[in-house]
């Protein structure tokens, strides 16, 4: 849980709000170790009553691209290390200049 708090606190303010929205730290964390576990949860959070959910993979990739561009390099390295290996393929190739 400490890693989840650390990640959330490093996010830009708007993303931090989405990250912590409806989060109840008293509940047991659900292990989302691969895309088959992770993407349906993202889709469920994105769906609105009476509307189909947006493409969860497309949205996830867009968020990871935004994080890659807007977050300090050291924090991105930490985040990528915390991301389960089964989700690494959703992360964009590095966008930072060498």
Protein backbone atom coordinates (compact mmCIF):
# COMPACT_ATOMS: atom_id res chain seq x y z
CA UNK A 1 0.00 0.00 0.00
CA UNK A 2 2.93 2.35 0.66
CA UNK A 3 3.97 2.06 -3.00
CA UNK A 4 0.44 2.93 -4.14
CA UNK A 5 0.42 6.01 -1.90
CA UNK A 6 3.85 7.07 -3.11
CA UNK A 7 2.81 6.74 -6.76
CA UNK A 8 -0.42 8.65 -6.19
CA UNK A 9 1.33 11.50 -4.42
CA UNK A 10 3.75 11.96 -7.34
CA UNK A 11 1.00 12.38 -9.95
CA UNK A 12 -0.05 15.74 -11.36
CA UNK A 13 -3.01 17.12 -9.35
CA UNK A 14 -5.79 16.22 -11.80
CA UNK A 15 -4.51 12.68 -12.27
CA UNK A 16 -4.07 12.35 -8.50
CA UNK A 17 -7.78 13.07 -8.10
CA UNK A 18 -8.70 10.31 -10.53
CA UNK A 19 -6.20 7.95 -8.92
CA UNK A 20 -7.56 8.37 -5.40
CA UNK A 21 -11.26 8.76 -6.34
CA UNK A 22 -13.32 6.03 -4.63
CA UNK A 23 -10.20 4.48 -3.12
CA UNK A 24 -10.83 2.95 0.28
CA UNK A 25 -7.51 2.05 1.94
CA UNK A 26 -9.33 -0.23 4.39
CA UNK A 27 -10.21 -2.61 1.55
CA UNK A 28 -7.84 -5.32 0.43
CA UNK A 29 -5.87 -4.45 -2.70
CA UNK A 30 -6.82 -6.44 -5.77
CA UNK A 31 -3.78 -7.82 -7.58
CA UNK A 32 -3.95 -6.60 -11.19
CA UNK A 33 -0.81 -8.22 -12.53
CA UNK A 34 -1.63 -8.50 -16.22
CA UNK A 35 -3.70 -6.81 -18.90
CA UNK A 36 -6.50 -9.40 -18.63
CA UNK A 37 -7.01 -8.43 -14.98
CA UNK A 38 -6.25 -4.71 -15.32
CA UNK A 39 -8.14 -3.55 -18.43
CA UNK A 40 -11.61 -4.79 -17.37
CA UNK A 41 -11.25 -2.85 -14.10
CA UNK A 42 -10.27 0.29 -16.02
CA UNK A 43 -13.26 -0.23 -18.36
CA UNK A 44 -15.63 -0.64 -15.40
CA UNK A 45 -14.43 2.64 -13.86
CA UNK A 46 -14.76 4.43 -17.20
CA UNK A 47 -18.26 3.25 -18.03
CA UNK A 48 -21.18 5.53 -17.36
CA UNK A 49 -24.74 4.49 -16.82
CA UNK A 50 -26.37 3.86 -20.19
CA UNK A 51 -23.11 4.31 -22.12
CA UNK A 52 -20.59 1.84 -23.38
CA UNK A 53 -17.14 2.14 -21.87
CA UNK A 54 -14.38 3.71 -23.93
CA UNK A 55 -11.52 1.55 -25.09
CA UNK A 56 -9.73 0.83 -21.80
CA UNK A 57 -6.47 -0.10 -23.49
CA UNK A 58 -6.42 3.08 -25.56
CA UNK A 59 -7.13 5.21 -22.49
CA UNK A 60 -4.51 3.36 -20.41
CA UNK A 61 -1.87 3.88 -23.08
CA UNK A 62 -2.78 7.58 -23.32
CA UNK A 63 -2.45 8.01 -19.55
CA UNK A 64 0.92 6.26 -19.54
CA UNK A 65 2.08 8.55 -22.40
CA UNK A 66 0.95 11.60 -20.44
CA UNK A 67 2.78 10.40 -17.35
CA UNK A 68 5.90 9.75 -19.41
CA UNK A 69 5.82 13.33 -20.70
CA UNK A 70 4.76 15.22 -17.56
CA UNK A 71 6.41 13.43 -14.64
CA UNK A 72 10.00 13.77 -13.47
CA UNK A 73 12.30 11.12 -14.88
CA UNK A 74 13.22 9.65 -11.50
CA UNK A 75 9.56 9.29 -10.58
CA UNK A 76 8.79 7.64 -13.92
CA UNK A 77 11.59 5.14 -13.30
CA UNK A 78 10.08 4.35 -9.89
CA UNK A 79 6.61 3.98 -11.38
CA UNK A 80 7.80 1.67 -14.13
CA UNK A 81 9.56 -0.53 -11.54
CA UNK A 82 6.33 -0.73 -9.51
CA UNK A 83 4.21 -1.62 -12.54
CA UNK A 84 3.64 -5.38 -12.75
CA UNK A 85 5.59 -7.03 -15.57
CA UNK A 86 2.33 -8.11 -17.21
CA UNK A 87 1.46 -4.44 -17.83
CA UNK A 88 4.80 -3.25 -19.21
CA UNK A 89 3.69 -3.71 -22.81
CA UNK A 90 1.04 -0.99 -22.27
CA UNK A 91 3.75 1.55 -21.42
CA UNK A 92 4.96 3.61 -24.39
CA UNK A 93 8.52 3.45 -25.65
CA UNK A 94 10.51 6.20 -23.99
CA UNK A 95 9.65 9.67 -25.24
CA UNK A 96 12.48 11.47 -23.47
CA UNK A 97 15.44 12.78 -25.41
CA UNK A 98 18.66 10.88 -24.84
